[in-house]
């Protein structure tokens, strides 16, 4: 497995991985925006054939007040099912977090995760040291899961 920064030609593979795994789906324009604005914060995991099997899409927070501490945000992370439990999500997270801290001096990183996603919560809390900062009610209405109302934990780490 190889972890490397994203390139524009990776975007279709990232989108395919997203569509296969997640209810939160994004337009190609949104992927391109991340790739062009924060090229050093998003990464892909590729197999020995160069096929994208996972990705992390990350950015710096744009909504923070001018005097606020800079912080990063993980927009999306996804690993194809047959490549899970290999440590790829952890590697992608660590790579992105280190880039946020080194390049942008991020004081912390935030992300949203559905409360029902126990595997992801375990990774973020137990392995990566994130803490639950808030609960966002009706998160799935925001992410497009029709007919489902679920809450998301807002996690944060230093």
N, C-alpha and C. Protein backbone atom coordinates (compact mmCIF):
# COMPACT_ATOMS: atom_id res chain seq x y z
N UNK A 1 0.84 -1.18 0.00
CA UNK A 1 0.00 0.00 0.00
C UNK A 1 0.88 1.24 0.00
N UNK A 2 0.43 2.23 -0.69
CA UNK A 2 1.16 3.49 -0.79
C UNK A 2 0.23 4.63 -0.38
N UNK A 3 0.72 5.51 0.49
CA UNK A 3 -0.01 6.72 0.87
C UNK A 3 0.72 7.89 0.23
N UNK A 4 -0.02 8.74 -0.47
CA UNK A 4 0.61 9.89 -1.12
C UNK A 4 -0.40 11.03 -1.24
N UNK A 5 0.11 12.26 -1.45
CA UNK A 5 -0.79 13.41 -1.65
C UNK A 5 -1.66 13.20 -2.89
N UNK A 6 -2.84 13.79 -2.86
CA UNK A 6 -3.73 13.65 -4.01
C UNK A 6 -3.22 14.46 -5.19
N UNK A 7 -3.62 13.99 -6.37
CA UNK A 7 -3.41 14.71 -7.62
C UNK A 7 -4.79 14.88 -8.26
N UNK A 8 -4.90 15.82 -9.15
CA UNK A 8 -6.19 16.06 -9.80
C UNK A 8 -6.70 14.80 -10.50
N UNK A 9 -5.81 14.02 -11.09
CA UNK A 9 -6.28 12.82 -11.79
C UNK A 9 -6.74 11.71 -10.84
N UNK A 10 -6.57 11.90 -9.52
CA UNK A 10 -7.08 10.95 -8.52
C UNK A 10 -8.56 11.17 -8.20
N UNK A 11 -9.08 12.33 -8.54
CA UNK A 11 -10.41 12.71 -8.08
C UNK A 11 -11.52 11.74 -8.50
N UNK A 12 -11.54 11.22 -9.73
CA UNK A 12 -12.58 10.23 -10.06
C UNK A 12 -12.49 8.98 -9.18
N UNK A 13 -11.29 8.50 -8.89
CA UNK A 13 -11.13 7.34 -8.03
C UNK A 13 -11.56 7.62 -6.60
N UNK A 14 -11.29 8.83 -6.13
CA UNK A 14 -11.74 9.22 -4.79
C UNK A 14 -13.26 9.27 -4.75
N UNK A 15 -13.86 9.86 -5.78
CA UNK A 15 -15.31 9.96 -5.80
C UNK A 15 -15.95 8.57 -5.88
N UNK A 16 -15.36 7.67 -6.64
CA UNK A 16 -15.89 6.30 -6.73
C UNK A 16 -15.83 5.61 -5.37
N UNK A 17 -14.74 5.79 -4.66
CA UNK A 17 -14.59 5.23 -3.31
C UNK A 17 -15.65 5.81 -2.38
N UNK A 18 -15.87 7.10 -2.48
CA UNK A 18 -16.88 7.77 -1.66
C UNK A 18 -18.27 7.24 -1.96
N UNK A 19 -18.62 7.16 -3.23
CA UNK A 19 -19.96 6.72 -3.61
C UNK A 19 -20.23 5.28 -3.18
N UNK A 20 -19.20 4.47 -3.15
CA UNK A 20 -19.35 3.07 -2.77
C UNK A 20 -19.56 2.90 -1.26
N UNK A 21 -19.06 3.85 -0.46
CA UNK A 21 -19.03 3.64 0.99
C UNK A 21 -19.87 4.58 1.83
N UNK A 22 -20.08 5.79 1.38
CA UNK A 22 -20.63 6.81 2.26
C UNK A 22 -21.93 7.43 1.75
N UNK A 23 -22.80 7.85 2.67
CA UNK A 23 -24.01 8.55 2.26
C UNK A 23 -23.74 10.03 1.96
N UNK A 24 -22.63 10.57 2.47
CA UNK A 24 -22.28 11.97 2.20
C UNK A 24 -21.49 11.99 0.90
N UNK A 25 -22.12 12.44 -0.15
CA UNK A 25 -21.47 12.45 -1.46
C UNK A 25 -21.24 13.87 -1.92
N UNK A 26 -20.18 14.05 -2.70
CA UNK A 26 -19.75 15.38 -3.10
C UNK A 26 -19.63 15.47 -4.61
N UNK A 27 -19.75 16.68 -5.11
CA UNK A 27 -19.57 16.91 -6.54
C UNK A 27 -18.08 16.90 -6.86
N UNK A 28 -17.77 16.68 -8.12
CA UNK A 28 -16.37 16.72 -8.55
C UNK A 28 -15.78 18.10 -8.29
N UNK A 29 -16.59 19.12 -8.41
CA UNK A 29 -16.13 20.48 -8.14
C UNK A 29 -15.64 20.63 -6.70
N UNK A 30 -16.32 19.98 -5.76
CA UNK A 30 -15.95 20.06 -4.35
C UNK A 30 -14.60 19.37 -4.10
N UNK A 31 -14.40 18.21 -4.73
CA UNK A 31 -13.10 17.54 -4.62
C UNK A 31 -12.00 18.42 -5.21
N UNK A 32 -12.28 18.99 -6.37
CA UNK A 32 -11.30 19.84 -7.04
C UNK A 32 -10.96 21.06 -6.20
N UNK A 33 -11.96 21.64 -5.56
CA UNK A 33 -11.74 22.79 -4.68
C UNK A 33 -10.75 22.44 -3.57
N UNK A 34 -10.95 21.30 -2.92
CA UNK A 34 -10.02 20.86 -1.87
C UNK A 34 -8.62 20.64 -2.44
N UNK A 35 -8.56 19.96 -3.58
CA UNK A 35 -7.26 19.63 -4.18
C UNK A 35 -6.49 20.87 -4.58
N UNK A 36 -7.18 21.89 -5.05
CA UNK A 36 -6.50 23.10 -5.50
C UNK A 36 -6.21 24.07 -4.36
N UNK A 37 -7.07 24.10 -3.35
CA UNK A 37 -6.91 25.05 -2.25
C UNK A 37 -5.98 24.54 -1.17
N UNK A 38 -6.08 23.26 -0.84
CA UNK A 38 -5.24 22.66 0.21
C UNK A 38 -4.60 21.37 -0.31
N UNK A 39 -3.73 21.47 -1.31
CA UNK A 39 -3.18 20.26 -1.94
C UNK A 39 -2.34 19.39 -1.00
N UNK A 40 -1.84 19.97 0.05
CA UNK A 40 -0.96 19.21 0.96
C UNK A 40 -1.71 18.55 2.11
N UNK A 41 -3.03 18.66 2.16
CA UNK A 41 -3.79 18.12 3.29
C UNK A 41 -4.59 16.87 2.96
N UNK A 42 -4.78 16.57 1.70
CA UNK A 42 -5.58 15.41 1.30
C UNK A 42 -4.66 14.35 0.68
N UNK A 43 -4.97 13.09 0.97
CA UNK A 43 -4.11 11.97 0.57
C UNK A 43 -4.95 10.82 0.05
N UNK A 44 -4.31 9.96 -0.74
CA UNK A 44 -4.94 8.72 -1.17
C UNK A 44 -4.10 7.54 -0.72
N UNK A 45 -4.78 6.41 -0.55
CA UNK A 45 -4.11 5.12 -0.35
C UNK A 45 -4.34 4.35 -1.64
N UNK A 46 -3.26 3.82 -2.20
CA UNK A 46 -3.40 3.06 -3.44
C UNK A 46 -2.79 1.68 -3.28
N UNK A 47 -3.36 0.72 -3.99
CA UNK A 47 -2.83 -0.64 -3.93
C UNK A 47 -1.63 -0.78 -4.85
N UNK A 48 -1.10 -1.99 -4.97
CA UNK A 48 0.12 -2.21 -5.76
C UNK A 48 -0.09 -1.96 -7.25
N UNK A 49 -1.34 -1.89 -7.70
CA UNK A 49 -1.63 -1.58 -9.10
C UNK A 49 -1.91 -0.10 -9.33
N UNK A 50 -1.84 0.70 -8.25
CA UNK A 50 -2.11 2.13 -8.36
C UNK A 50 -3.58 2.48 -8.25
N UNK A 51 -4.42 1.51 -7.91
CA UNK A 51 -5.86 1.74 -7.74
C UNK A 51 -6.12 2.41 -6.40
N UNK A 52 -6.94 3.45 -6.40
CA UNK A 52 -7.27 4.14 -5.16
C UNK A 52 -8.22 3.27 -4.34
N UNK A 53 -7.78 2.96 -3.12
CA UNK A 53 -8.57 2.11 -2.23
C UNK A 53 -9.03 2.88 -0.99
N UNK A 54 -8.60 4.13 -0.88
CA UNK A 54 -9.01 4.97 0.23
C UNK A 54 -8.50 6.39 0.03
N UNK A 55 -9.09 7.30 0.78
CA UNK A 55 -8.67 8.70 0.68
C UNK A 55 -9.04 9.44 1.95
N UNK A 56 -8.41 10.59 2.13
CA UNK A 56 -8.83 11.57 3.13
C UNK A 56 -8.91 12.91 2.42
N UNK A 57 -10.01 13.60 2.61
CA UNK A 57 -10.24 14.93 2.04
C UNK A 57 -10.28 15.89 3.22
N UNK A 58 -9.33 16.81 3.27
CA UNK A 58 -9.22 17.68 4.44
C UNK A 58 -8.95 19.12 4.01
N UNK A 59 -9.18 20.03 4.95
CA UNK A 59 -9.01 21.45 4.68
C UNK A 59 -8.73 22.18 5.98
N UNK A 60 -8.40 23.43 5.85
CA UNK A 60 -8.33 24.31 7.01
C UNK A 60 -9.68 25.00 7.14
N UNK A 61 -10.07 25.31 8.37
CA UNK A 61 -11.37 25.93 8.60
C UNK A 61 -11.38 27.33 8.01
N UNK A 62 -12.35 27.58 7.16
CA UNK A 62 -12.47 28.89 6.51
C UNK A 62 -13.40 29.83 7.26
N UNK A 63 -14.20 29.28 8.14
CA UNK A 63 -15.21 30.09 8.82
C UNK A 63 -14.73 30.69 10.13
N UNK A 64 -13.52 30.39 10.53
CA UNK A 64 -13.00 30.89 11.80
C UNK A 64 -12.79 32.40 11.73
N UNK A 65 -13.00 33.05 12.85
CA UNK A 65 -12.74 34.49 12.94
C UNK A 65 -11.25 34.74 12.73
N UNK A 66 -10.92 35.95 12.30
CA UNK A 66 -9.52 36.27 12.01
C UNK A 66 -8.59 36.04 13.19
N UNK A 67 -9.06 36.30 14.40
CA UNK A 67 -8.21 36.15 15.57
C UNK A 67 -8.29 34.74 16.19
N UNK A 68 -9.05 33.85 15.57
CA UNK A 68 -9.20 32.48 16.10
C UNK A 68 -7.96 31.65 15.76
N UNK A 69 -7.75 30.63 16.57
CA UNK A 69 -6.65 29.71 16.30
C UNK A 69 -6.92 28.97 14.99
N UNK A 70 -5.89 28.82 14.15
CA UNK A 70 -6.11 28.06 12.92
C UNK A 70 -6.37 26.59 13.27
N UNK A 71 -7.33 26.00 12.59
CA UNK A 71 -7.58 24.58 12.82
C UNK A 71 -8.03 23.90 11.53
N UNK A 72 -7.74 22.63 11.47
CA UNK A 72 -8.07 21.84 10.30
C UNK A 72 -9.39 21.11 10.48
N UNK A 73 -9.90 20.61 9.38
CA UNK A 73 -11.15 19.85 9.40
C UNK A 73 -11.05 18.70 8.40
N UNK A 74 -11.41 17.51 8.84
CA UNK A 74 -11.49 16.36 7.95
C UNK A 74 -12.88 16.35 7.34
N UNK A 75 -12.95 16.61 6.06
CA UNK A 75 -14.22 16.64 5.35
C UNK A 75 -14.75 15.23 5.13
N UNK A 76 -13.87 14.33 4.71
CA UNK A 76 -14.29 12.97 4.40
C UNK A 76 -13.09 12.03 4.43
N UNK A 77 -13.34 10.82 4.88
CA UNK A 77 -12.34 9.75 4.81
C UNK A 77 -13.08 8.47 4.49
N UNK A 78 -12.53 7.69 3.58
CA UNK A 78 -13.20 6.46 3.17
C UNK A 78 -12.16 5.44 2.73
N UNK A 79 -12.40 4.19 3.12
CA UNK A 79 -11.56 3.06 2.73
C UNK A 79 -12.49 2.00 2.14
N UNK A 80 -12.14 1.45 0.98
CA UNK A 80 -12.94 0.37 0.41
C UNK A 80 -13.02 -0.79 1.40
N UNK A 81 -14.16 -1.44 1.48
CA UNK A 81 -14.40 -2.48 2.49
C UNK A 81 -13.32 -3.56 2.51
N UNK A 82 -12.89 -4.02 1.36
CA UNK A 82 -11.91 -5.11 1.32
C UNK A 82 -10.51 -4.68 1.78
N UNK A 83 -10.32 -3.39 2.02
CA UNK A 83 -9.02 -2.89 2.49
C UNK A 83 -9.09 -2.33 3.91
N UNK A 84 -10.20 -2.55 4.58
CA UNK A 84 -10.33 -2.07 5.95
C UNK A 84 -9.58 -2.98 6.91
N UNK A 85 -9.32 -2.48 8.11
CA UNK A 85 -8.62 -3.18 9.18
C UNK A 85 -7.15 -3.43 8.83
N UNK A 86 -6.60 -2.60 7.94
CA UNK A 86 -5.18 -2.69 7.58
C UNK A 86 -4.40 -1.47 8.07
N UNK A 87 -5.07 -0.58 8.79
CA UNK A 87 -4.41 0.61 9.31
C UNK A 87 -4.35 1.78 8.33
N UNK A 88 -5.04 1.67 7.21
CA UNK A 88 -4.98 2.74 6.20
C UNK A 88 -5.64 4.02 6.68
N UNK A 89 -6.78 3.92 7.34
CA UNK A 89 -7.46 5.12 7.83
C UNK A 89 -6.57 5.86 8.83
N UNK A 90 -5.93 5.12 9.71
CA UNK A 90 -5.02 5.75 10.68
C UNK A 90 -3.87 6.44 9.97
N UNK A 91 -3.27 5.78 8.99
CA UNK A 91 -2.16 6.38 8.26
C UNK A 91 -2.59 7.66 7.53
N UNK A 92 -3.76 7.61 6.90
CA UNK A 92 -4.26 8.80 6.21
C UNK A 92 -4.52 9.93 7.18
N UNK A 93 -5.14 9.61 8.31
CA UNK A 93 -5.43 10.64 9.33
C UNK A 93 -4.14 11.27 9.85
N UNK A 94 -3.18 10.45 10.21
CA UNK A 94 -1.92 10.96 10.78
C UNK A 94 -1.20 11.84 9.75
N UNK A 95 -1.14 11.38 8.51
CA UNK A 95 -0.46 12.16 7.47
C UNK A 95 -1.11 13.53 7.31
N UNK A 96 -2.43 13.57 7.26
CA UNK A 96 -3.14 14.83 7.08
C UNK A 96 -2.99 15.73 8.31
N UNK A 97 -3.13 15.16 9.50
CA UNK A 97 -2.99 15.96 10.73
C UNK A 97 -1.60 16.56 10.84
N UNK A 98 -0.58 15.77 10.51
CA UNK A 98 0.79 16.30 10.57
C UNK A 98 0.98 17.44 9.59
N UNK A 99 0.41 17.33 8.41
CA UNK A 99 0.51 18.42 7.42
C UNK A 99 -0.21 19.67 7.91
N UNK A 100 -1.38 19.50 8.53
CA UNK A 100 -2.11 20.65 9.06
C UNK A 100 -1.29 21.38 10.12
N UNK A 101 -0.67 20.62 11.00
CA UNK A 101 0.13 21.22 12.08
C UNK A 101 1.40 21.86 11.55
N UNK A 102 2.08 21.18 10.66
CA UNK A 102 3.37 21.67 10.16
C UNK A 102 3.22 22.85 9.21
N UNK A 103 2.36 22.73 8.24
CA UNK A 103 2.23 23.74 7.19
C UNK A 103 1.39 24.93 7.62
N UNK A 104 0.27 24.65 8.30
CA UNK A 104 -0.68 25.72 8.64
C UNK A 104 -0.72 26.05 10.13
N UNK A 105 0.10 25.37 10.90
CA UNK A 105 0.14 25.56 12.36
C UNK A 105 -1.24 25.37 13.01
N UNK A 106 -1.96 24.37 12.54
CA UNK A 106 -3.28 24.07 13.10
C UNK A 106 -3.14 23.71 14.57
N UNK A 107 -3.96 24.31 15.40
CA UNK A 107 -3.93 24.02 16.83
C UNK A 107 -4.78 22.80 17.16
N UNK A 108 -5.73 22.47 16.29
CA UNK A 108 -6.51 21.25 16.46
C UNK A 108 -7.16 20.86 15.14
N UNK A 109 -7.72 19.67 15.12
CA UNK A 109 -8.40 19.13 13.95
C UNK A 109 -9.79 18.69 14.38
N UNK A 110 -10.79 19.00 13.58
CA UNK A 110 -12.16 18.58 13.89
C UNK A 110 -12.70 17.69 12.77
N UNK A 111 -13.75 16.95 13.10
CA UNK A 111 -14.44 16.14 12.11
C UNK A 111 -15.81 15.77 12.66
N UNK A 112 -16.68 15.32 11.78
CA UNK A 112 -18.01 14.83 12.16
C UNK A 112 -18.04 13.33 11.90
N UNK A 113 -18.68 12.60 12.79
CA UNK A 113 -18.87 11.17 12.58
C UNK A 113 -20.23 10.77 13.14
N UNK A 114 -20.96 9.97 12.38
CA UNK A 114 -22.26 9.51 12.87
C UNK A 114 -22.07 8.71 14.15
N UNK A 115 -22.94 8.94 15.11
CA UNK A 115 -22.85 8.23 16.38
C UNK A 115 -22.97 6.72 16.20
N UNK A 116 -23.62 6.30 15.15
CA UNK A 116 -23.80 4.87 14.89
C UNK A 116 -22.56 4.21 14.28
N UNK A 117 -21.58 5.00 13.87
CA UNK A 117 -20.38 4.47 13.23
C UNK A 117 -19.34 4.12 14.30
N UNK A 118 -19.53 2.98 14.94
CA UNK A 118 -18.69 2.59 16.07
C UNK A 118 -17.23 2.37 15.69
N UNK A 119 -17.00 1.80 14.52
CA UNK A 119 -15.62 1.55 14.10
C UNK A 119 -14.85 2.87 13.96
N UNK A 120 -15.47 3.84 13.32
CA UNK A 120 -14.82 5.14 13.15
C UNK A 120 -14.63 5.85 14.49
N UNK A 121 -15.65 5.80 15.33
CA UNK A 121 -15.53 6.41 16.66
C UNK A 121 -14.37 5.80 17.43
N UNK A 122 -14.22 4.49 17.35
CA UNK A 122 -13.11 3.82 18.03
C UNK A 122 -11.77 4.29 17.50
N UNK A 123 -11.64 4.41 16.20
CA UNK A 123 -10.40 4.90 15.60
C UNK A 123 -10.10 6.31 16.09
N UNK A 124 -11.07 7.19 15.99
CA UNK A 124 -10.83 8.58 16.34
C UNK A 124 -10.56 8.77 17.83
N UNK A 125 -11.39 8.18 18.66
CA UNK A 125 -11.25 8.36 20.11
C UNK A 125 -10.11 7.55 20.68
N UNK A 126 -10.14 6.25 20.46
CA UNK A 126 -9.22 5.34 21.14
C UNK A 126 -7.83 5.33 20.54
N UNK A 127 -7.73 5.40 19.24
CA UNK A 127 -6.43 5.31 18.57
C UNK A 127 -5.80 6.67 18.34
N UNK A 128 -6.59 7.64 17.91
CA UNK A 128 -6.04 8.94 17.52
C UNK A 128 -6.21 10.03 18.58
N UNK A 129 -6.91 9.75 19.66
CA UNK A 129 -7.01 10.70 20.77
C UNK A 129 -8.01 11.83 20.60
N UNK A 130 -8.96 11.69 19.70
CA UNK A 130 -10.00 12.71 19.56
C UNK A 130 -10.95 12.64 20.74
N UNK A 131 -11.58 13.75 21.05
CA UNK A 131 -12.61 13.79 22.10
C UNK A 131 -13.89 14.35 21.50
N UNK A 132 -15.02 13.92 22.05
CA UNK A 132 -16.32 14.42 21.58
C UNK A 132 -16.52 15.81 22.17
N UNK A 133 -16.70 16.78 21.30
CA UNK A 133 -16.90 18.17 21.71
C UNK A 133 -18.36 18.57 21.70
N UNK A 134 -19.15 17.94 20.83
CA UNK A 134 -20.53 18.36 20.66
C UNK A 134 -21.28 17.24 19.94
N UNK A 135 -22.59 17.32 19.97
CA UNK A 135 -23.45 16.42 19.20
C UNK A 135 -24.28 17.29 18.27
N UNK A 136 -24.20 17.00 16.98
CA UNK A 136 -24.98 17.75 16.00
C UNK A 136 -26.24 16.93 15.70
N UNK A 137 -27.37 17.47 16.09
CA UNK A 137 -28.64 16.78 15.91
C UNK A 137 -29.05 16.78 14.43
N UNK A 138 -29.72 15.74 14.05
CA UNK A 138 -30.27 15.60 12.70
C UNK A 138 -29.19 15.74 11.62
N UNK A 139 -28.01 15.22 11.89
CA UNK A 139 -26.89 15.31 10.96
C UNK A 139 -27.22 14.69 9.61
N UNK A 140 -27.89 13.57 9.60
CA UNK A 140 -28.17 12.89 8.33
C UNK A 140 -29.09 13.68 7.42
N UNK A 141 -29.91 14.54 8.00
CA UNK A 141 -30.70 15.42 7.14
C UNK A 141 -29.77 16.34 6.37
N UNK A 142 -28.66 16.72 6.99
CA UNK A 142 -27.69 17.59 6.33
C UNK A 142 -26.89 16.83 5.28
N UNK A 143 -26.62 15.56 5.54
CA UNK A 143 -25.76 14.81 4.63
C UNK A 143 -26.54 14.06 3.56
N UNK A 144 -27.86 14.14 3.59
CA UNK A 144 -28.63 13.60 2.50
C UNK A 144 -29.15 12.18 2.65
N UNK A 145 -29.11 11.61 3.84
CA UNK A 145 -29.67 10.27 4.02
C UNK A 145 -31.18 10.42 4.18
N UNK A 146 -31.88 10.30 3.09
CA UNK A 146 -33.32 10.52 3.09
C UNK A 146 -34.03 9.55 4.03
N UNK A 147 -34.98 10.11 4.77
CA UNK A 147 -35.79 9.28 5.65
C UNK A 147 -35.10 8.86 6.93
N UNK A 148 -33.86 9.27 7.13
CA UNK A 148 -33.12 8.87 8.32
C UNK A 148 -32.79 10.12 9.12
N UNK A 149 -33.02 10.04 10.39
CA UNK A 149 -32.58 11.11 11.28
C UNK A 149 -31.57 10.49 12.22
N UNK A 150 -30.36 10.97 12.16
CA UNK A 150 -29.34 10.46 13.07
C UNK A 150 -28.48 11.63 13.52
N UNK A 151 -27.81 11.43 14.62
CA UNK A 151 -26.97 12.47 15.19
C UNK A 151 -25.51 12.17 14.87
N UNK A 152 -24.70 13.21 14.88
CA UNK A 152 -23.27 13.03 14.65
C UNK A 152 -22.50 13.64 15.80
N UNK A 153 -21.43 12.98 16.15
CA UNK A 153 -20.53 13.53 17.15
C UNK A 153 -19.55 14.45 16.44
N UNK A 154 -19.28 15.58 17.05
CA UNK A 154 -18.25 16.49 16.55
C UNK A 154 -17.03 16.22 17.41
N UNK A 155 -15.97 15.72 16.79
CA UNK A 155 -14.78 15.36 17.53
C UNK A 155 -13.66 16.34 17.27
N UNK A 156 -12.73 16.40 18.19
CA UNK A 156 -11.64 17.36 18.11
C UNK A 156 -10.41 16.77 18.77
N UNK A 157 -9.24 17.05 18.24
CA UNK A 157 -7.99 16.63 18.85
C UNK A 157 -6.96 17.74 18.72
N UNK A 158 -6.02 17.74 19.62
CA UNK A 158 -4.94 18.74 19.56
C UNK A 158 -3.83 18.27 18.68
